[in-house]
């Protein structure tokens, strides 16, 4: 198994934050999830904390103050993290959203599933290219 790593979740919904963190721990208990409640908080953390280097960034689209697409464009301007995959994590499954975010530089698009087991399996496949154990 790969060494432990950190995921950065940018999502304003506390329930979604909790489900994501639980799914992550089911995939691998050594994984860490750092959460930002909005894009402003996330951008500030990434710009100020030079040592913070998540392996993956998960970004919700529908958030207050700054929409996920705008946030994605801002994240792409931070040279230090340009190699980090940014995965859109949204309730949307609209082909237009998927197309637009990939054109803006998103690595992938993950629609928020209704079941934690589905999310766990999708994360395991993404991280380790295998279903969750």
C-alpha atoms as a PDB file:
ATOM      1  CA  UNK A   1       0.000   0.000   0.000  1.00  0.00           C
ATOM      2  CA  UNK A   2       1.142   3.562  -0.644  1.00  0.00           C
ATOM      3  CA  UNK A   3       2.355   5.752   2.185  1.00  0.00           C
ATOM      4  CA  UNK A   4      -0.253   7.791   4.079  1.00  0.00           C
ATOM      5  CA  UNK A   5      -1.334  11.008   2.428  1.00  0.00           C
ATOM      6  CA  UNK A   6      -3.679  13.935   2.856  1.00  0.00           C
ATOM      7  CA  UNK A   7      -6.779  14.880   0.906  1.00  0.00           C
ATOM      8  CA  UNK A   8      -8.051  18.453   0.953  1.00  0.00           C
ATOM      9  CA  UNK A   9     -11.842  18.749   0.782  1.00  0.00           C
ATOM     10  CA  UNK A  10     -13.341  22.134  -0.083  1.00  0.00           C
ATOM     11  CA  UNK A  11     -17.046  21.851   0.703  1.00  0.00           C
ATOM     12  CA  UNK A  12     -19.455  24.020   2.693  1.00  0.00           C
ATOM     13  CA  UNK A  13     -21.817  21.169   3.670  1.00  0.00           C
ATOM     14  CA  UNK A  14     -20.981  19.653   7.082  1.00  0.00           C
ATOM     15  CA  UNK A  15     -22.809  16.392   6.344  1.00  0.00           C
ATOM     16  CA  UNK A  16     -20.874  15.951   3.100  1.00  0.00           C
ATOM     17  CA  UNK A  17     -17.632  16.717   4.947  1.00  0.00           C
ATOM     18  CA  UNK A  18     -18.415  14.045   7.534  1.00  0.00           C
ATOM     19  CA  UNK A  19     -19.397  11.414   4.941  1.00  0.00           C
ATOM     20  CA  UNK A  20     -16.287  12.091   2.885  1.00  0.00           C
ATOM     21  CA  UNK A  21     -14.024  11.809   5.940  1.00  0.00           C
ATOM     22  CA  UNK A  22     -15.704   8.562   7.024  1.00  0.00           C
ATOM     23  CA  UNK A  23     -15.366   7.068   3.529  1.00  0.00           C
ATOM     24  CA  UNK A  24     -11.716   8.092   3.410  1.00  0.00           C
ATOM     25  CA  UNK A  25     -11.023   6.347   6.728  1.00  0.00           C
ATOM     26  CA  UNK A  26     -12.770   3.201   5.443  1.00  0.00           C
ATOM     27  CA  UNK A  27     -10.523   3.194   2.379  1.00  0.00           C
ATOM     28  CA  UNK A  28      -7.412   3.524   4.520  1.00  0.00           C
ATOM     29  CA  UNK A  29      -7.329   4.531   8.207  1.00  0.00           C
ATOM     30  CA  UNK A  30      -3.924   6.193   7.716  1.00  0.00           C
ATOM     31  CA  UNK A  31      -5.311   8.779   5.275  1.00  0.00           C
ATOM     32  CA  UNK A  32      -5.952  12.313   6.500  1.00  0.00           C
ATOM     33  CA  UNK A  33      -8.669  14.707   5.398  1.00  0.00           C
ATOM     34  CA  UNK A  34      -8.247  18.452   5.831  1.00  0.00           C
ATOM     35  CA  UNK A  35     -11.441  20.434   5.274  1.00  0.00           C
ATOM     36  CA  UNK A  36     -12.101  24.018   4.200  1.00  0.00           C
ATOM     37  CA  UNK A  37     -15.657  25.374   4.464  1.00  0.00           C
ATOM     38  CA  UNK A  38     -15.340  27.667   1.461  1.00  0.00           C
ATOM     39  CA  UNK A  39     -13.043  28.665  -1.388  1.00  0.00           C
ATOM     40  CA  UNK A  40     -11.663  31.739   0.358  1.00  0.00           C
ATOM     41  CA  UNK A  41     -10.512  29.677   3.340  1.00  0.00           C
ATOM     42  CA  UNK A  42      -9.022  27.024   1.020  1.00  0.00           C
ATOM     43  CA  UNK A  43      -7.131  29.504  -1.130  1.00  0.00           C
ATOM     44  CA  UNK A  44      -5.767  31.308   1.916  1.00  0.00           C
ATOM     45  CA  UNK A  45      -4.530  28.032   3.428  1.00  0.00           C
ATOM     46  CA  UNK A  46      -2.847  26.931   0.186  1.00  0.00           C
ATOM     47  CA  UNK A  47      -1.245  30.332  -0.407  1.00  0.00           C
ATOM     48  CA  UNK A  48       0.012  30.862   3.159  1.00  0.00           C
ATOM     49  CA  UNK A  49       0.968  27.363   4.325  1.00  0.00           C
ATOM     50  CA  UNK A  50       3.891  26.464   2.064  1.00  0.00           C
ATOM     51  CA  UNK A  51       4.301  23.049   3.708  1.00  0.00           C
ATOM     52  CA  UNK A  52       0.662  22.009   3.148  1.00  0.00           C
ATOM     53  CA  UNK A  53       0.778  19.648   0.161  1.00  0.00           C
ATOM     54  CA  UNK A  54      -2.279  17.424  -0.172  1.00  0.00           C
ATOM     55  CA  UNK A  55      -2.089  14.518  -2.627  1.00  0.00           C
ATOM     56  CA  UNK A  56      -5.625  15.259  -3.900  1.00  0.00           C
ATOM     57  CA  UNK A  57      -7.953  18.257  -3.757  1.00  0.00           C
ATOM     58  CA  UNK A  58     -11.707  17.629  -3.829  1.00  0.00           C
ATOM     59  CA  UNK A  59     -13.780  20.678  -4.710  1.00  0.00           C
ATOM     60  CA  UNK A  60     -17.533  21.192  -4.457  1.00  0.00           C
ATOM     61  CA  UNK A  61     -19.129  23.390  -7.127  1.00  0.00           C
ATOM     62  CA  UNK A  62     -22.086  24.976  -5.351  1.00  0.00           C
ATOM     63  CA  UNK A  63     -20.729  27.102  -2.538  1.00  0.00           C
ATOM     64  CA  UNK A  64     -21.388  30.557  -1.107  1.00  0.00           C
ATOM     65  CA  UNK A  65     -19.289  33.616  -2.031  1.00  0.00           C
ATOM     66  CA  UNK A  66     -17.141  31.897  -4.687  1.00  0.00           C
ATOM     67  CA  UNK A  67     -18.447  29.186  -7.023  1.00  0.00           C
ATOM     68  CA  UNK A  68     -16.367  26.043  -7.447  1.00  0.00           C
ATOM     69  CA  UNK A  69     -15.490  26.859 -11.070  1.00  0.00           C
ATOM     70  CA  UNK A  70     -14.045  30.232 -10.045  1.00  0.00           C
ATOM     71  CA  UNK A  71     -12.189  28.529  -7.198  1.00  0.00           C
ATOM     72  CA  UNK A  72     -10.782  25.948  -9.637  1.00  0.00           C
ATOM     73  CA  UNK A  73      -9.381  28.762 -11.797  1.00  0.00           C
ATOM     74  CA  UNK A  74      -7.800  30.371  -8.718  1.00  0.00           C
ATOM     75  CA  UNK A  75      -6.303  27.055  -7.550  1.00  0.00           C
ATOM     76  CA  UNK A  76      -4.746  26.564 -10.984  1.00  0.00           C
ATOM     77  CA  UNK A  77      -2.863  29.870 -10.551  1.00  0.00           C
ATOM     78  CA  UNK A  78      -0.921  28.538  -7.529  1.00  0.00           C
ATOM     79  CA  UNK A  79       2.269  27.155  -9.103  1.00  0.00           C
ATOM     80  CA  UNK A  80       3.289  25.173  -6.007  1.00  0.00           C
ATOM     81  CA  UNK A  81       0.236  22.888  -6.319  1.00  0.00           C
ATOM     82  CA  UNK A  82      -0.111  22.711 -10.101  1.00  0.00           C
ATOM     83  CA  UNK A  83       0.728  18.973 -10.121  1.00  0.00           C
ATOM     84  CA  UNK A  84      -1.970  18.083  -7.546  1.00  0.00           C
ATOM     85  CA  UNK A  85      -5.095  16.504  -9.064  1.00  0.00           C
ATOM     86  CA  UNK A  86      -8.224  18.565  -8.434  1.00  0.00           C
ATOM     87  CA  UNK A  87     -11.356  16.439  -8.465  1.00  0.00           C
ATOM     88  CA  UNK A  88     -14.741  18.109  -8.631  1.00  0.00           C
ATOM     89  CA  UNK A  89     -16.954  16.557  -5.937  1.00  0.00           C
ATOM     90  CA  UNK A  90     -20.495  17.737  -6.568  1.00  0.00           C
ATOM     91  CA  UNK A  91     -24.163  16.795  -6.488  1.00  0.00           C
ATOM     92  CA  UNK A  92     -24.262  17.835 -10.138  1.00  0.00           C
ATOM     93  CA  UNK A  93     -24.016  15.228 -12.861  1.00  0.00           C
ATOM     94  CA  UNK A  94     -24.628  17.751 -15.640  1.00  0.00           C
ATOM     95  CA  UNK A  95     -22.489  17.038 -18.714  1.00  0.00           C
ATOM     96  CA  UNK A  96     -22.012  20.825 -19.083  1.00  0.00           C
ATOM     97  CA  UNK A  97     -20.465  21.052 -15.569  1.00  0.00           C
ATOM     98  CA  UNK A  98     -18.235  18.045 -16.236  1.00  0.00           C
ATOM     99  CA  UNK A  99     -17.068  19.492 -19.582  1.00  0.00           C
ATOM    100  CA  UNK A 100     -16.484  23.007 -18.235  1.00  0.00           C
ATOM    101  CA  UNK A 101     -14.552  21.913 -15.151  1.00  0.00           C
ATOM    102  CA  UNK A 102     -12.335  19.543 -17.129  1.00  0.00           C
ATOM    103  CA  UNK A 103     -11.654  22.377 -19.604  1.00  0.00           C
ATOM    104  CA  UNK A 104     -10.644  24.542 -16.617  1.00  0.00           C
ATOM    105  CA  UNK A 105      -8.161  21.917 -15.462  1.00  0.00           C
ATOM    106  CA  UNK A 106     -10.042  19.519 -13.185  1.00  0.00           C
ATOM    107  CA  UNK A 107      -8.525  16.026 -13.242  1.00  0.00           C
ATOM    108  CA  UNK A 108     -11.815  14.248 -12.672  1.00  0.00           C
ATOM    109  CA  UNK A 109     -15.459  14.732 -11.734  1.00  0.00           C
ATOM    110  CA  UNK A 110     -17.048  12.704  -8.948  1.00  0.00           C
ATOM    111  CA  UNK A 111     -20.787  13.023  -8.417  1.00  0.00           C
ATOM    112  CA  UNK A 112     -21.651  12.752  -4.719  1.00  0.00           C
ATOM    113  CA  UNK A 113     -23.154   9.285  -4.307  1.00  0.00           C
ATOM    114  CA  UNK A 114     -26.124   8.600  -2.005  1.00  0.00           C
ATOM    115  CA  UNK A 115     -24.341   5.711  -0.224  1.00  0.00           C
ATOM    116  CA  UNK A 116     -21.110   5.880   1.766  1.00  0.00           C
ATOM    117  CA  UNK A 117     -20.162   2.434   0.422  1.00  0.00           C
ATOM    118  CA  UNK A 118     -20.289   3.777  -3.136  1.00  0.00           C
ATOM    119  CA  UNK A 119     -18.093   6.725  -2.177  1.00  0.00           C
ATOM    120  CA  UNK A 120     -15.664   4.417  -0.363  1.00  0.00           C
ATOM    121  CA  UNK A 121     -15.316   2.216  -3.448  1.00  0.00           C
ATOM    122  CA  UNK A 122     -14.859   5.189  -5.776  1.00  0.00           C
ATOM    123  CA  UNK A 123     -12.141   6.663  -3.562  1.00  0.00           C
ATOM    124  CA  UNK A 124     -10.350   3.308  -3.276  1.00  0.00           C
ATOM    125  CA  UNK A 125     -10.412   2.954  -7.049  1.00  0.00           C
ATOM    126  CA  UNK A 126      -9.136   6.508  -7.497  1.00  0.00           C
ATOM    127  CA  UNK A 127      -6.309   6.167  -4.952  1.00  0.00           C
ATOM    128  CA  UNK A 128      -5.298   2.552  -5.371  1.00  0.00           C
ATOM    129  CA  UNK A 129      -7.050   1.448  -8.585  1.00  0.00           C
ATOM    130  CA  UNK A 130      -8.992  -1.192  -6.675  1.00  0.00           C
ATOM    131  CA  UNK A 131     -12.323  -1.488  -4.879  1.00  0.00           C
ATOM    132  CA  UNK A 132     -12.409  -0.957  -1.116  1.00  0.00           C
ATOM    133  CA  UNK A 133     -11.697  -4.064   0.934  1.00  0.00           C
END
